C-alpha cells in the first residue's frame, strides 16, 4: 500500500487577509448573518483547507488551500 504524506496544520494562518477566510468568518457567524454570500463562497468547491477542513470555490477564502 502506498504511503500518503498528509500535513495537518495546527494553527490558523497569520495572513493579513485572514479576516476574509472561512474559518474566521464562521467564528463570527457570517454563515448566519450573510447566508447568500456564504453560499456563494462554498458552492462548487475546488479547494480544501488543511487547517479546518472547510471547502471553497476560491483558494483565497481558505488559510491553507489544497486542490480537491
C-alpha atoms as a PDB file:
ATOM      1  CA  UNK A   1       0.000   0.000   0.000  1.00  0.00           C
ATOM      2  CA  UNK A   2       1.334   3.425  -0.943  1.00  0.00           C
ATOM      3  CA  UNK A   3       2.122   5.785   1.880  1.00  0.00           C
ATOM      4  CA  UNK A   4       0.343   9.116   1.858  1.00  0.00           C
ATOM      5  CA  UNK A   5       2.105  12.078   3.382  1.00  0.00           C
ATOM      6  CA  UNK A   6      -0.569  14.264   4.971  1.00  0.00           C
ATOM      7  CA  UNK A   7       0.375  17.552   6.576  1.00  0.00           C
ATOM      8  CA  UNK A   8      -2.073  18.594   9.261  1.00  0.00           C
ATOM      9  CA  UNK A   9      -1.860  22.274  10.116  1.00  0.00           C
ATOM     10  CA  UNK A  10      -2.306  23.056  13.795  1.00  0.00           C
ATOM     11  CA  UNK A  11      -2.594  26.850  13.721  1.00  0.00           C
ATOM     12  CA  UNK A  12      -4.708  29.222  11.645  1.00  0.00           C
ATOM     13  CA  UNK A  13      -2.718  31.376   9.281  1.00  0.00           C
ATOM     14  CA  UNK A  14      -1.291  34.770  10.157  1.00  0.00           C
ATOM     15  CA  UNK A  15      -2.015  36.177   6.703  1.00  0.00           C
ATOM     16  CA  UNK A  16      -3.099  39.827   6.578  1.00  0.00           C
ATOM     17  CA  UNK A  17      -6.238  38.635   4.759  1.00  0.00           C
ATOM     18  CA  UNK A  18      -7.213  36.099   7.452  1.00  0.00           C
ATOM     19  CA  UNK A  19     -10.313  38.182   8.191  1.00  0.00           C
ATOM     20  CA  UNK A  20     -11.609  37.038   4.761  1.00  0.00           C
ATOM     21  CA  UNK A  21     -11.058  33.309   5.356  1.00  0.00           C
ATOM     22  CA  UNK A  22     -13.961  30.961   6.055  1.00  0.00           C
ATOM     23  CA  UNK A  23     -12.636  29.811   9.438  1.00  0.00           C
ATOM     24  CA  UNK A  24     -12.534  33.412  10.676  1.00  0.00           C
ATOM     25  CA  UNK A  25     -15.886  34.311   9.134  1.00  0.00           C
ATOM     26  CA  UNK A  26     -17.784  31.308  10.507  1.00  0.00           C
ATOM     27  CA  UNK A  27     -16.452  32.004  14.020  1.00  0.00           C
ATOM     28  CA  UNK A  28     -18.242  35.335  13.667  1.00  0.00           C
ATOM     29  CA  UNK A  29     -21.488  33.738  12.383  1.00  0.00           C
ATOM     30  CA  UNK A  30     -21.036  35.015   8.839  1.00  0.00           C
ATOM     31  CA  UNK A  31     -22.914  31.949   7.573  1.00  0.00           C
ATOM     32  CA  UNK A  32     -25.921  33.018   9.663  1.00  0.00           C
ATOM     33  CA  UNK A  33     -25.782  36.769   9.060  1.00  0.00           C
ATOM     34  CA  UNK A  34     -24.904  36.582   5.344  1.00  0.00           C
ATOM     35  CA  UNK A  35     -26.156  33.182   4.123  1.00  0.00           C
ATOM     36  CA  UNK A  36     -26.269  34.130   0.429  1.00  0.00           C
ATOM     37  CA  UNK A  37     -22.655  35.357   0.430  1.00  0.00           C
ATOM     38  CA  UNK A  38     -21.543  32.316   2.412  1.00  0.00           C
ATOM     39  CA  UNK A  39     -23.327  30.016  -0.043  1.00  0.00           C
ATOM     40  CA  UNK A  40     -21.524  31.698  -2.955  1.00  0.00           C
ATOM     41  CA  UNK A  41     -18.163  31.085  -1.264  1.00  0.00           C
ATOM     42  CA  UNK A  42     -18.734  27.382  -0.637  1.00  0.00           C
ATOM     43  CA  UNK A  43     -20.756  26.474  -3.731  1.00  0.00           C
ATOM     44  CA  UNK A  44     -18.816  24.363  -6.258  1.00  0.00           C
ATOM     45  CA  UNK A  45     -15.790  23.745  -4.025  1.00  0.00           C
ATOM     46  CA  UNK A  46     -12.402  23.316  -5.672  1.00  0.00           C
ATOM     47  CA  UNK A  47     -10.160  23.706  -2.600  1.00  0.00           C
ATOM     48  CA  UNK A  48      -9.987  22.331   0.931  1.00  0.00           C
ATOM     49  CA  UNK A  49      -8.258  23.977   3.893  1.00  0.00           C
ATOM     50  CA  UNK A  50      -5.552  21.859   5.528  1.00  0.00           C
ATOM     51  CA  UNK A  51      -6.313  23.544   8.860  1.00  0.00           C
ATOM     52  CA  UNK A  52     -10.078  23.466   9.310  1.00  0.00           C
ATOM     53  CA  UNK A  53     -11.216  21.138   6.528  1.00  0.00           C
ATOM     54  CA  UNK A  54     -13.653  23.645   5.063  1.00  0.00           C
ATOM     55  CA  UNK A  55     -14.068  23.745   1.302  1.00  0.00           C
ATOM     56  CA  UNK A  56     -14.434  26.733  -1.002  1.00  0.00           C
ATOM     57  CA  UNK A  57     -14.535  27.628  -4.662  1.00  0.00           C
ATOM     58  CA  UNK A  58     -11.629  30.069  -4.372  1.00  0.00           C
ATOM     59  CA  UNK A  59      -8.315  29.364  -2.670  1.00  0.00           C
ATOM     60  CA  UNK A  60      -8.215  32.912  -1.280  1.00  0.00           C
ATOM     61  CA  UNK A  61     -11.138  32.039   1.030  1.00  0.00           C
ATOM     62  CA  UNK A  62      -9.045  29.492   2.979  1.00  0.00           C
ATOM     63  CA  UNK A  63      -5.949  29.603   5.194  1.00  0.00           C
ATOM     64  CA  UNK A  64      -4.084  26.624   3.721  1.00  0.00           C
ATOM     65  CA  UNK A  65      -5.835  25.671   0.470  1.00  0.00           C
ATOM     66  CA  UNK A  66      -5.096  22.474  -1.409  1.00  0.00           C
ATOM     67  CA  UNK A  67      -6.910  21.410  -4.589  1.00  0.00           C
ATOM     68  CA  UNK A  68      -9.648  18.820  -4.155  1.00  0.00           C
END
